Amino acid sequence: MRSQSDQPQTGDRLQRVLAARGVASRRKSEELIREGRVSVNGKIVTELGTRVDPNASIKVDGKTVRKQAHRYVVLNKPSGYITTKSDERDRRTVMELVPATPPMTPVGRLDRET
């Protein structure tokens, strides 16, 4: 791929795209890129921060990485649960009420008592 200075300033950084497509976390995606395991439109990319077109063909270890469809779950939250992924005080969270896969992020906030 082109060097960073030649990169277009449009699109998202490759590691962010990989994370959004469910390949790995951004940190792990950076490792994959540095190791030369990621290709964009048939070219190996090893430079972090490379920006890619949202419609680019991306492969990791030769396998095509597809965009994931957004899914929304509406939950009638019962009283006593907090709206967060995890809680350091070990209170019950809404994440206990829904299946673990695919990965989900709660949006909207309600008090625990409501």
PDB file of N, CA and C in Angstrom:
ATOM      1  N   MET A   1       0.851  -1.177   0.000  1.00  0.00           N
ATOM      2  CA  MET A   1       0.000   0.000   0.000  1.00  0.00           C
ATOM      3  C   MET A   1       0.891   1.233   0.000  1.00  0.00           C
ATOM      4  N   ARG A   2       0.289   2.358  -0.276  1.00  0.00           N
ATOM      5  CA  ARG A   2       1.027   3.616  -0.266  1.00  0.00           C
ATOM      6  C   ARG A   2       1.488   3.960   1.140  1.00  0.00           C
ATOM      7  N   SER A   3       2.496   4.810   1.218  1.00  0.00           N
ATOM      8  CA  SER A   3       2.961   5.255   2.531  1.00  0.00           C
ATOM      9  C   SER A   3       1.904   6.162   3.147  1.00  0.00           C
ATOM     10  N   GLN A   4       2.046   6.384   4.451  1.00  0.00           N
ATOM     11  CA  GLN A   4       1.063   7.194   5.188  1.00  0.00           C
ATOM     12  C   GLN A   4       0.856   8.557   4.540  1.00  0.00           C
ATOM     13  N   SER A   5       1.923   9.197   4.086  1.00  0.00           N
ATOM     14  CA  SER A   5       1.792  10.537   3.514  1.00  0.00           C
ATOM     15  C   SER A   5       1.016  10.527   2.204  1.00  0.00           C
ATOM     16  N   ASP A   6       0.999   9.371   1.518  1.00  0.00           N
ATOM     17  CA  ASP A   6       0.267   9.262   0.261  1.00  0.00           C
ATOM     18  C   ASP A   6      -1.178   8.801   0.463  1.00  0.00           C
ATOM     19  N   GLN A   7      -1.528   8.418   1.676  1.00  0.00           N
ATOM     20  CA  GLN A   7      -2.849   7.870   1.936  1.00  0.00           C
ATOM     21  C   GLN A   7      -3.923   8.939   1.797  1.00  0.00           C
ATOM     22  N   PRO A   8      -5.061   8.559   1.221  1.00  0.00           N
ATOM     23  CA  PRO A   8      -6.168   9.507   1.194  1.00  0.00           C
ATOM     24  C   PRO A   8      -6.629   9.773   2.621  1.00  0.00           C
ATOM     25  N   GLN A   9      -7.150  10.932   2.880  1.00  0.00           N
ATOM     26  CA  GLN A   9      -7.606  11.292   4.217  1.00  0.00           C
ATOM     27  C   GLN A   9      -9.081  10.958   4.415  1.00  0.00           C
ATOM     28  N   THR A  10      -9.636  10.163   3.511  1.00  0.00           N
ATOM     29  CA  THR A  10     -11.026   9.743   3.647  1.00  0.00           C
ATOM     30  C   THR A  10     -11.070   8.293   4.093  1.00  0.00           C
ATOM     31  N   GLY A  11     -12.204   7.866   4.560  1.00  0.00           N
ATOM     32  CA  GLY A  11     -12.340   6.495   5.032  1.00  0.00           C
ATOM     33  C   GLY A  11     -11.877   6.363   6.468  1.00  0.00           C
ATOM     34  N   ASP A  12     -12.024   5.168   7.000  1.00  0.00           N
ATOM     35  CA  ASP A  12     -11.623   4.901   8.380  1.00  0.00           C
ATOM     36  C   ASP A  12     -10.284   4.186   8.408  1.00  0.00           C
ATOM     37  N   ARG A  13      -9.625   4.267   9.571  1.00  0.00           N
ATOM     38  CA  ARG A  13      -8.375   3.535   9.726  1.00  0.00           C
ATOM     39  C   ARG A  13      -8.680   2.044   9.672  1.00  0.00           C
ATOM     40  N   LEU A  14      -7.773   1.314   9.061  1.00  0.00           N
ATOM     41  CA  LEU A  14      -7.977  -0.114   8.840  1.00  0.00           C
ATOM     42  C   LEU A  14      -8.249  -0.862  10.140  1.00  0.00           C
ATOM     43  N   GLN A  15      -7.497  -0.564  11.203  1.00  0.00           N
ATOM     44  CA  GLN A  15      -7.710  -1.298  12.452  1.00  0.00           C
ATOM     45  C   GLN A  15      -9.103  -1.048  13.022  1.00  0.00           C
ATOM     46  N   ARG A  16      -9.641   0.127  12.779  1.00  0.00           N
ATOM     47  CA  ARG A  16     -11.000   0.430  13.242  1.00  0.00           C
ATOM     48  C   ARG A  16     -12.027  -0.352  12.420  1.00  0.00           C
ATOM     49  N   VAL A  17     -11.790  -0.447  11.116  1.00  0.00           N
ATOM     50  CA  VAL A  17     -12.697  -1.208  10.248  1.00  0.00           C
ATOM     51  C   VAL A  17     -12.694  -2.680  10.656  1.00  0.00           C
ATOM     52  N   LEU A  18     -11.511  -3.227  10.912  1.00  0.00           N
ATOM     53  CA  LEU A  18     -11.421  -4.630  11.324  1.00  0.00           C
ATOM     54  C   LEU A  18     -12.182  -4.861  12.629  1.00  0.00           C
ATOM     55  N   ALA A  19     -12.026  -3.953  13.570  1.00  0.00           N
ATOM     56  CA  ALA A  19     -12.732  -4.084  14.846  1.00  0.00           C
ATOM     57  C   ALA A  19     -14.242  -3.980  14.637  1.00  0.00           C
ATOM     58  N   ALA A  20     -14.675  -3.049  13.804  1.00  0.00           N
ATOM     59  CA  ALA A  20     -16.107  -2.864  13.542  1.00  0.00           C
ATOM     60  C   ALA A  20     -16.711  -4.078  12.849  1.00  0.00           C
ATOM     61  N   ARG A  21     -15.902  -4.773  12.056  1.00  0.00           N
ATOM     62  CA  ARG A  21     -16.387  -5.965  11.357  1.00  0.00           C
ATOM     63  C   ARG A  21     -16.278  -7.219  12.213  1.00  0.00           C
ATOM     64  N   GLY A  22     -15.867  -7.055  13.453  1.00  0.00           N
ATOM     65  CA  GLY A  22     -15.856  -8.179  14.380  1.00  0.00           C
ATOM     66  C   GLY A  22     -14.657  -9.098  14.283  1.00  0.00           C
ATOM     67  N   VAL A  23     -13.588  -8.664  13.610  1.00  0.00           N
ATOM     68  CA  VAL A  23     -12.401  -9.508  13.467  1.00  0.00           C
ATOM     69  C   VAL A  23     -11.675  -9.633  14.796  1.00  0.00           C
ATOM     70  N   ALA A  24     -11.419  -8.510  15.430  1.00  0.00           N
ATOM     71  CA  ALA A  24     -10.665  -8.467  16.685  1.00  0.00           C
ATOM     72  C   ALA A  24     -10.798  -7.073  17.276  1.00  0.00           C
ATOM     73  N   SER A  25     -10.262  -6.899  18.472  1.00  0.00           N
ATOM     74  CA  SER A  25     -10.210  -5.559  19.060  1.00  0.00           C
ATOM     75  C   SER A  25      -9.296  -4.691  18.208  1.00  0.00           C
ATOM     76  N   ARG A  26      -9.322  -3.384  18.424  1.00  0.00           N
ATOM     77  CA  ARG A  26      -8.424  -2.516  17.651  1.00  0.00           C
ATOM     78  C   ARG A  26      -6.971  -2.854  17.920  1.00  0.00           C
ATOM     79  N   ARG A  27      -6.619  -3.139  19.168  1.00  0.00           N
ATOM     80  CA  ARG A  27      -5.221  -3.488  19.497  1.00  0.00           C
ATOM     81  C   ARG A  27      -4.796  -4.772  18.799  1.00  0.00           C
ATOM     82  N   LYS A  28      -5.644  -5.791  18.836  1.00  0.00           N
ATOM     83  CA  LYS A  28      -5.330  -7.058  18.165  1.00  0.00           C
ATOM     84  C   LYS A  28      -5.290  -6.847  16.657  1.00  0.00           C
ATOM     85  N   SER A  29      -6.170  -6.000  16.134  1.00  0.00           N
ATOM     86  CA  SER A  29      -6.163  -5.695  14.700  1.00  0.00           C
ATOM     87  C   SER A  29      -4.851  -5.040  14.299  1.00  0.00           C
ATOM     88  N   GLU A  30      -4.305  -4.187  15.162  1.00  0.00           N
ATOM     89  CA  GLU A  30      -3.005  -3.568  14.882  1.00  0.00           C
ATOM     90  C   GLU A  30      -1.921  -4.628  14.765  1.00  0.00           C
ATOM     91  N   GLU A  31      -1.969  -5.639  15.629  1.00  0.00           N
ATOM     92  CA  GLU A  31      -0.998  -6.741  15.546  1.00  0.00           C
ATOM     93  C   GLU A  31      -1.129  -7.469  14.218  1.00  0.00           C
ATOM     94  N   LEU A  32      -2.360  -7.760  13.809  1.00  0.00           N
ATOM     95  CA  LEU A  32      -2.586  -8.456  12.542  1.00  0.00           C
ATOM     96  C   LEU A  32      -2.009  -7.662  11.378  1.00  0.00           C
ATOM     97  N   ILE A  33      -2.182  -6.347  11.407  1.00  0.00           N
ATOM     98  CA  ILE A  33      -1.668  -5.484  10.339  1.00  0.00           C
ATOM     99  C   ILE A  33      -0.149  -5.505  10.345  1.00  0.00           C
ATOM    100  N   ARG A  34       0.461  -5.303  11.510  1.00  0.00           N
ATOM    101  CA  ARG A  34       1.934  -5.304  11.601  1.00  0.00           C
ATOM    102  C   ARG A  34       2.530  -6.622  11.133  1.00  0.00           C
ATOM    103  N   GLU A  35       1.838  -7.721  11.399  1.00  0.00           N
ATOM    104  CA  GLU A  35       2.326  -9.048  11.019  1.00  0.00           C
ATOM    105  C   GLU A  35       2.131  -9.340   9.533  1.00  0.00           C
ATOM    106  N   GLY A  36       1.499  -8.421   8.794  1.00  0.00           N
ATOM    107  CA  GLY A  36       1.301  -8.617   7.359  1.00  0.00           C
ATOM    108  C   GLY A  36       0.224  -9.627   7.023  1.00  0.00           C
ATOM    109  N   ARG A  37      -0.743  -9.785   7.908  1.00  0.00           N
ATOM    110  CA  ARG A  37      -1.799 -10.773   7.708  1.00  0.00           C
ATOM    111  C   ARG A  37      -3.061 -10.182   7.097  1.00  0.00           C
ATOM    112  N   VAL A  38      -3.041  -8.856   6.821  1.00  0.00           N
ATOM    113  CA  VAL A  38      -4.232  -8.161   6.317  1.00  0.00           C
ATOM    114  C   VAL A  38      -3.956  -7.623   4.923  1.00  0.00           C
ATOM    115  N   SER A  39      -4.911  -7.842   4.013  1.00  0.00           N
ATOM    116  CA  SER A  39      -4.788  -7.259   2.673  1.00  0.00           C
ATOM    117  C   SER A  39      -6.034  -6.441   2.368  1.00  0.00           C
ATOM    118  N   VAL A  40      -5.820  -5.375   1.602  1.00  0.00           N
ATOM    119  CA  VAL A  40      -6.907  -4.500   1.169  1.00  0.00           C
ATOM    120  C   VAL A  40      -6.847  -4.440  -0.342  1.00  0.00           C
ATOM    121  N   ASN A  41      -7.937  -4.833  -0.982  1.00  0.00           N
ATOM    122  CA  ASN A  41      -8.004  -4.873  -2.447  1.00  0.00           C
ATOM    123  C   ASN A  41      -6.804  -5.613  -3.033  1.00  0.00           C
ATOM    124  N   GLY A  42      -6.425  -6.723  -2.391  1.00  0.00           N
ATOM    125  CA  GLY A  42      -5.365  -7.582  -2.909  1.00  0.00           C
ATOM    126  C   GLY A  42      -3.952  -7.188  -2.533  1.00  0.00           C
ATOM    127  N   LYS A  43      -3.765  -6.107  -1.789  1.00  0.00           N
ATOM    128  CA  LYS A  43      -2.419  -5.662  -1.412  1.00  0.00           C
ATOM    129  C   LYS A  43      -2.241  -5.770   0.097  1.00  0.00           C
ATOM    130  N   ILE A  44      -1.125  -6.374   0.521  1.00  0.00           N
ATOM    131  CA  ILE A  44      -0.817  -6.504   1.943  1.00  0.00           C
ATOM    132  C   ILE A  44      -0.594  -5.117   2.542  1.00  0.00           C
ATOM    133  N   VAL A  45      -1.161  -4.890   3.717  1.00  0.00           N
ATOM    134  CA  VAL A  45      -0.995  -3.620   4.425  1.00  0.00           C
ATOM    135  C   VAL A  45      -0.271  -3.910   5.736  1.00  0.00           C
ATOM    136  N   THR A  46       0.816  -3.176   5.996  1.00  0.00           N
ATOM    137  CA  THR A  46       1.552  -3.342   7.254  1.00  0.00           C
ATOM    138  C   THR A  46       1.671  -2.037   8.027  1.00  0.00           C
ATOM    139  N   GLU A  47       1.193  -0.955   7.458  1.00  0.00           N
ATOM    140  CA  GLU A  47       1.326   0.350   8.098  1.00  0.00           C
ATOM    141  C   GLU A  47       0.064   0.707   8.873  1.00  0.00           C
ATOM    142  N   LEU A  48       0.248   0.945  10.170  1.00  0.00           N
ATOM    143  CA  LEU A  48      -0.885   1.339  11.004  1.00  0.00           C
ATOM    144  C   LEU A  48      -1.379   2.717  10.590  1.00  0.00           C
ATOM    145  N   GLY A  49      -2.662   2.933  10.739  1.00  0.00           N
ATOM    146  CA  GLY A  49      -3.234   4.227  10.385  1.00  0.00           C
ATOM    147  C   GLY A  49      -3.650   4.328   8.935  1.00  0.00           C
ATOM    148  N   THR A  50      -3.413   3.265   8.160  1.00  0.00           N
ATOM    149  CA  THR A  50      -3.828   3.274   6.759  1.00  0.00           C
ATOM    150  C   THR A  50      -5.341   3.429   6.691  1.00  0.00           C
ATOM    151  N   ARG A  51      -5.789   4.373   5.898  1.00  0.00           N
ATOM    152  CA  ARG A  51      -7.229   4.601   5.741  1.00  0.00           C
ATOM    153  C   ARG A  51      -7.732   3.804   4.546  1.00  0.00           C
ATOM    154  N   VAL A  52      -8.923   3.255   4.704  1.00  0.00           N
ATOM    155  CA  VAL A  52      -9.488   2.422   3.648  1.00  0.00           C
ATOM    156  C   VAL A  52     -10.898   2.870   3.315  1.00  0.00           C
ATOM    157  N   ASP A  53     -11.259   2.653   2.073  1.00  0.00           N
ATOM    158  CA  ASP A  53     -12.613   2.910   1.601  1.00  0.00           C
ATOM    159  C   ASP A  53     -13.551   1.937   2.318  1.00  0.00           C
ATOM    160  N   PRO A  54     -14.713   2.384   2.756  1.00  0.00           N
ATOM    161  CA  PRO A  54     -15.637   1.496   3.460  1.00  0.00           C
ATOM    162  C   PRO A  54     -16.070   0.287   2.636  1.00  0.00           C
ATOM    163  N   ASN A  55     -15.987   0.395   1.318  1.00  0.00           N
ATOM    164  CA  ASN A  55     -16.395  -0.708   0.450  1.00  0.00           C
ATOM    165  C   ASN A  55     -15.221  -1.544  -0.037  1.00  0.00           C
ATOM    166  N   ALA A  56     -14.035  -1.323   0.515  1.00  0.00           N
ATOM    167  CA  ALA A  56     -12.847  -2.060   0.086  1.00  0.00           C
ATOM    168  C   ALA A  56     -12.988  -3.541   0.417  1.00  0.00           C
ATOM    169  N   SER A  57     -12.335  -4.362  -0.398  1.00  0.00           N
ATOM    170  CA  SER A  57     -12.263  -5.796  -0.139  1.00  0.00           C
ATOM    171  C   SER A  57     -11.129  -6.032   0.851  1.00  0.00           C
ATOM    172  N   ILE A  58     -11.463  -6.529   2.029  1.00  0.00           N
ATOM    173  CA  ILE A  58     -10.473  -6.741   3.084  1.00  0.00           C
ATOM    174  C   ILE A  58     -10.412  -8.225   3.412  1.00  0.00           C
ATOM    175  N   LYS A  59      -9.173  -8.732   3.531  1.00  0.00           N
ATOM    176  CA  LYS A  59      -8.970 -10.133   3.897  1.00  0.00           C
ATOM    177  C   LYS A  59      -7.980 -10.218   5.047  1.00  0.00           C
ATOM    178  N   VAL A  60      -8.210 -11.179   5.926  1.00  0.00           N
ATOM    179  CA  VAL A  60      -7.283 -11.495   7.010  1.00  0.00           C
ATOM    180  C   VAL A  60      -6.937 -12.967   6.867  1.00  0.00           C
ATOM    181  N   ASP A  61      -5.648 -13.240   6.758  1.00  0.00           N
ATOM    182  CA  ASP A  61      -5.177 -14.613   6.540  1.00  0.00           C
ATOM    183  C   ASP A  61      -5.867 -15.243   5.331  1.00  0.00           C
ATOM    184  N   GLY A  62      -6.121 -14.428   4.310  1.00  0.00           N
ATOM    185  CA  GLY A  62      -6.717 -14.919   3.076  1.00  0.00           C
ATOM    186  C   GLY A  62      -8.224 -15.077   3.103  1.00  0.00           C
ATOM    187  N   LYS A  63      -8.852 -14.825   4.242  1.00  0.00           N
ATOM    188  CA  LYS A  63     -10.303 -14.976   4.354  1.00  0.00           C
ATOM    189  C   LYS A  63     -10.969 -13.609   4.301  1.00  0.00           C
ATOM    190  N   THR A  64     -12.001 -13.494   3.473  1.00  0.00           N
ATOM    191  CA  THR A  64     -12.714 -12.231   3.314  1.00  0.00           C
ATOM    192  C   THR A  64     -13.414 -11.840   4.609  1.00  0.00           C
ATOM    193  N   VAL A  65     -13.280 -10.565   4.954  1.00  0.00           N
ATOM    194  CA  VAL A  65     -13.914 -10.007   6.149  1.00  0.00           C
ATOM    195  C   VAL A  65     -15.123  -9.210   5.684  1.00  0.00           C
ATOM    196  N   ARG A  66     -16.292  -9.660   6.058  1.00  0.00           N
ATOM    197  CA  ARG A  66     -17.528  -9.010   5.615  1.00  0.00           C
ATOM    198  C   ARG A  66     -18.037  -8.021   6.663  1.00  0.00           C
ATOM    199  N   LYS A  67     -18.771  -7.041   6.164  1.00  0.00           N
ATOM    200  CA  LYS A  67     -19.422  -6.089   7.071  1.00  0.00           C
ATOM    201  C   LYS A  67     -20.488  -6.827   7.858  1.00  0.00           C
ATOM    202  N   GLN A  68     -20.645  -6.455   9.111  1.00  0.00           N
ATOM    203  CA  GLN A  68     -21.693  -7.038   9.930  1.00  0.00           C
ATOM    204  C   GLN A  68     -22.902  -6.117   9.925  1.00  0.00           C
ATOM    205  N   ALA A  69     -24.050  -6.727   9.787  1.00  0.00           N
ATOM    206  CA  ALA A  69     -25.284  -5.946   9.825  1.00  0.00           C
ATOM    207  C   ALA A  69     -25.544  -5.495  11.255  1.00  0.00           C
ATOM    208  N   HIS A  70     -26.086  -4.312  11.404  1.00  0.00           N
ATOM    209  CA  HIS A  70     -26.463  -3.832  12.734  1.00  0.00           C
ATOM    210  C   HIS A  70     -27.734  -4.539  13.158  1.00  0.00           C
ATOM    211  N   ARG A  71     -27.753  -4.949  14.399  1.00  0.00           N
ATOM    212  CA  ARG A  71     -28.952  -5.568  14.960  1.00  0.00           C
ATOM    213  C   ARG A  71     -29.328  -4.792  16.209  1.00  0.00           C
ATOM    214  N   TYR A  72     -30.610  -4.609  16.388  1.00  0.00           N
ATOM    215  CA  TYR A  72     -31.093  -3.855  17.538  1.00  0.00           C
ATOM    216  C   TYR A  72     -32.028  -4.738  18.348  1.00  0.00           C
ATOM    217  N   VAL A  73     -31.872  -4.702  19.639  1.00  0.00           N
ATOM    218  CA  VAL A  73     -32.730  -5.455  20.540  1.00  0.00           C
ATOM    219  C   VAL A  73     -33.420  -4.445  21.449  1.00  0.00           C
ATOM    220  N   VAL A  74     -34.732  -4.528  21.508  1.00  0.00           N
ATOM    221  CA  VAL A  74     -35.491  -3.663  22.402  1.00  0.00           C
ATOM    222  C   VAL A  74     -35.815  -4.496  23.636  1.00  0.00           C
ATOM    223  N   LEU A  75     -35.492  -3.948  24.785  1.00  0.00           N
ATOM    224  CA  LEU A  75     -35.672  -4.689  26.029  1.00  0.00           C
ATOM    225  C   LEU A  75     -36.513  -3.872  27.000  1.00  0.00           C
ATOM    226  N   ASN A  76     -37.544  -4.487  27.522  1.00  0.00           N
ATOM    227  CA  ASN A  76     -38.330  -3.869  28.581  1.00  0.00           C
ATOM    228  C   ASN A  76     -37.608  -4.210  29.884  1.00  0.00           C
ATOM    229  N   LYS A  77     -36.712  -3.330  30.312  1.00  0.00           N
ATOM    230  CA  LYS A  77     -35.822  -3.590  31.436  1.00  0.00           C
ATOM    231  C   LYS A  77     -36.610  -3.704  32.737  1.00  0.00           C
ATOM    232  N   PRO A  78     -36.444  -4.831  33.425  1.00  0.00           N
ATOM    233  CA  PRO A  78     -37.097  -4.941  34.728  1.00  0.00           C
ATOM    234  C   PRO A  78     -36.366  -4.118  35.784  1.00  0.00           C
ATOM    235  N   SER A  79     -37.071  -3.775  36.818  1.00  0.00           N
ATOM    236  CA  SER A  79     -36.474  -3.044  37.935  1.00  0.00           C
ATOM    237  C   SER A  79     -35.365  -3.886  38.564  1.00  0.00           C
ATOM    238  N   GLY A  80     -34.315  -3.209  39.039  1.00  0.00           N
ATOM    239  CA  GLY A  80     -33.231  -3.909  39.720  1.00  0.00           C
ATOM    240  C   GLY A  80     -32.012  -4.176  38.859  1.00  0.00           C
ATOM    241  N   TYR A  81     -32.096  -3.900  37.563  1.00  0.00           N
ATOM    242  CA  TYR A  81     -30.960  -4.092  36.655  1.00  0.00           C
ATOM    243  C   TYR A  81     -30.427  -2.724  36.242  1.00  0.00           C
ATOM    244  N   ILE A  82     -29.115  -2.622  36.039  1.00  0.00           N
ATOM    245  CA  ILE A  82     -28.546  -1.369  35.551  1.00  0.00           C
ATOM    246  C   ILE A  82     -28.197  -1.520  34.079  1.00  0.00           C
ATOM    247  N   THR A  83     -28.228  -0.400  33.366  1.00  0.00           N
ATOM    248  CA  THR A  83     -27.997  -0.395  31.924  1.00  0.00           C
ATOM    249  C   THR A  83     -26.521  -0.150  31.646  1.00  0.00           C
ATOM    250  N   THR A  84     -25.747  -1.225  31.676  1.00  0.00           N
ATOM    251  CA  THR A  84     -24.318  -1.172  31.391  1.00  0.00           C
ATOM    252  C   THR A  84     -23.843  -2.580  31.058  1.00  0.00           C
ATOM    253  N   LYS A  85     -22.649  -2.687  30.475  1.00  0.00           N
ATOM    254  CA  LYS A  85     -22.110  -4.008  30.142  1.00  0.00           C
ATOM    255  C   LYS A  85     -21.641  -4.760  31.380  1.00  0.00           C
ATOM    256  N   SER A  86     -20.973  -4.064  32.273  1.00  0.00           N
ATOM    257  CA  SER A  86     -20.471  -4.706  33.492  1.00  0.00           C
ATOM    258  C   SER A  86     -20.474  -3.682  34.616  1.00  0.00           C
ATOM    259  N   ASP A  87     -20.390  -4.175  35.836  1.00  0.00           N
ATOM    260  CA  ASP A  87     -20.436  -3.276  36.986  1.00  0.00           C
ATOM    261  C   ASP A  87     -19.387  -3.694  38.004  1.00  0.00           C
ATOM    262  N   GLU A  88     -18.566  -2.742  38.407  1.00  0.00           N
ATOM    263  CA  GLU A  88     -17.495  -3.028  39.367  1.00  0.00           C
ATOM    264  C   GLU A  88     -18.039  -3.371  40.758  1.00  0.00           C
ATOM    265  N   ARG A  89     -19.286  -3.025  41.020  1.00  0.00           N
ATOM    266  CA  ARG A  89     -19.894  -3.349  42.317  1.00  0.00           C
ATOM    267  C   ARG A  89     -20.736  -4.624  42.252  1.00  0.00           C
ATOM    268  N   ASP A  90     -20.616  -5.345  41.148  1.00  0.00           N
ATOM    269  CA  ASP A  90     -21.269  -6.649  40.984  1.00  0.00           C
ATOM    270  C   ASP A  90     -22.796  -6.600  41.037  1.00  0.00           C
ATOM    271  N   ARG A  91     -23.373  -5.478  40.585  1.00  0.00           N
ATOM    272  CA  ARG A  91     -24.827  -5.395  40.500  1.00  0.00           C
ATOM    273  C   ARG A  91     -25.284  -6.086  39.219  1.00  0.00           C
ATOM    274  N   ARG A  92     -26.546  -6.446  39.164  1.00  0.00           N
ATOM    275  CA  ARG A  92     -27.089  -7.095  37.972  1.00  0.00           C
ATOM    276  C   ARG A  92     -27.173  -6.083  36.831  1.00  0.00           C
ATOM    277  N   THR A  93     -26.807  -6.539  35.610  1.00  0.00           N
ATOM    278  CA  THR A  93     -26.846  -5.661  34.440  1.00  0.00           C
ATOM    279  C   THR A  93     -27.799  -6.219  33.394  1.00  0.00           C
ATOM    280  N   VAL A  94     -28.220  -5.352  32.471  1.00  0.00           N
ATOM    281  CA  VAL A  94     -29.118  -5.789  31.396  1.00  0.00           C
ATOM    282  C   VAL A  94     -28.467  -6.840  30.508  1.00  0.00           C
ATOM    283  N   MET A  95     -27.141  -6.908  30.511  1.00  0.00           N
ATOM    284  CA  MET A  95     -26.458  -7.887  29.668  1.00  0.00           C
ATOM    285  C   MET A  95     -26.759  -9.318  30.111  1.00  0.00           C
ATOM    286  N   GLU A  96     -27.176  -9.489  31.352  1.00  0.00           N
ATOM    287  CA  GLU A  96     -27.557 -10.811  31.853  1.00  0.00           C
ATOM    288  C   GLU A  96     -28.897 -11.266  31.271  1.00  0.00           C
ATOM    289  N   LEU A  97     -29.644 -10.343  30.698  1.00  0.00           N
ATOM    290  CA  LEU A  97     -30.988 -10.640  30.204  1.00  0.00           C
ATOM    291  C   LEU A  97     -31.031 -10.994  28.723  1.00  0.00           C
ATOM    292  N   VAL A  98     -29.924 -10.793  28.008  1.00  0.00           N
ATOM    293  CA  VAL A  98     -29.904 -11.044  26.565  1.00  0.00           C
ATOM    294  C   VAL A  98     -28.794 -12.035  26.230  1.00  0.00           C
ATOM    295  N   PRO A  99     -28.918 -12.753  25.110  1.00  0.00           N
ATOM    296  CA  PRO A  99     -27.865 -13.691  24.716  1.00  0.00           C
ATOM    297  C   PRO A  99     -26.524 -12.983  24.533  1.00  0.00           C
ATOM    298  N   ALA A 100     -25.450 -13.700  24.757  1.00  0.00           N
ATOM    299  CA  ALA A 100     -24.104 -13.115  24.691  1.00  0.00           C
ATOM    300  C   ALA A 100     -23.642 -12.847  23.266  1.00  0.00           C
ATOM    301  N   THR A 101     -24.166 -13.555  22.284  1.00  0.00           N
ATOM    302  CA  THR A 101     -23.695 -13.354  20.921  1.00  0.00           C
ATOM    303  C   THR A 101     -24.837 -12.870  20.057  1.00  0.00           C
ATOM    304  N   PRO A 102     -24.626 -12.031  19.084  1.00  0.00           N
ATOM    305  CA  PRO A 102     -23.374 -11.340  18.809  1.00  0.00           C
ATOM    306  C   PRO A 102     -23.086 -10.306  19.889  1.00  0.00           C
ATOM    307  N   PRO A 103     -21.860  -9.798  19.914  1.00  0.00           N
ATOM    308  CA  PRO A 103     -21.536  -8.801  20.932  1.00  0.00           C
ATOM    309  C   PRO A 103     -22.516  -7.624  20.877  1.00  0.00           C
ATOM    310  N   MET A 104     -22.936  -7.174  22.040  1.00  0.00           N
ATOM    311  CA  MET A 104     -23.902  -6.074  22.111  1.00  0.00           C
ATOM    312  C   MET A 104     -23.402  -4.972  23.024  1.00  0.00           C
ATOM    313  N   THR A 105     -23.908  -3.778  22.783  1.00  0.00           N
ATOM    314  CA  THR A 105     -23.615  -2.629  23.622  1.00  0.00           C
ATOM    315  C   THR A 105     -24.933  -1.971  23.994  1.00  0.00           C
ATOM    316  N   PRO A 106     -25.185  -1.801  25.278  1.00  0.00           N
ATOM    317  CA  PRO A 106     -26.440  -1.147  25.661  1.00  0.00           C
ATOM    318  C   PRO A 106     -26.418   0.338  25.326  1.00  0.00           C
ATOM    319  N   VAL A 107     -27.564   0.847  24.910  1.00  0.00           N
ATOM    320  CA  VAL A 107     -27.712   2.284  24.670  1.00  0.00           C
ATOM    321  C   VAL A 107     -28.930   2.748  25.451  1.00  0.00           C
ATOM    322  N   GLY A 108     -28.927   3.997  25.821  1.00  0.00           N
ATOM    323  CA  GLY A 108     -30.016   4.514  26.632  1.00  0.00           C
ATOM    324  C   GLY A 108     -29.751   4.159  28.080  1.00  0.00           C
ATOM    325  N   ARG A 109     -30.145   5.024  28.956  1.00  0.00           N
ATOM    326  CA  ARG A 109     -29.874   4.799  30.373  1.00  0.00           C
ATOM    327  C   ARG A 109     -31.164   4.923  31.161  1.00  0.00           C
ATOM    328  N   LEU A 110     -31.362   3.994  32.052  1.00  0.00           N
ATOM    329  CA  LEU A 110     -32.476   4.066  32.988  1.00  0.00           C
ATOM    330  C   LEU A 110     -31.926   3.803  34.378  1.00  0.00           C
ATOM    331  N   ASP A 111     -32.547   4.391  35.370  1.00  0.00           N
ATOM    332  CA  ASP A 111     -32.143   4.118  36.743  1.00  0.00           C
ATOM    333  C   ASP A 111     -32.372   2.654  37.071  1.00  0.00           C
ATOM    334  N   ARG A 112     -31.635   2.161  38.044  1.00  0.00           N
ATOM    335  CA  ARG A 112     -31.764   0.763  38.436  1.00  0.00           C
ATOM    336  C   ARG A 112     -33.181   0.451  38.899  1.00  0.00           C
ATOM    337  N   GLU A 113     -33.810   1.378  39.597  1.00  0.00           N
ATOM    338  CA  GLU A 113     -35.136   1.123  40.151  1.00  0.00           C
ATOM    339  C   GLU A 113     -36.253   1.223  39.114  1.00  0.00           C
ATOM    340  N   THR A 114     -35.966   1.717  37.937  1.00  0.00           N
ATOM    341  CA  THR A 114     -37.023   1.867  36.931  1.00  0.00           C
ATOM    342  C   THR A 114     -36.904   0.843  35.841  1.00  0.00           C
TER     343      THR A 114
END
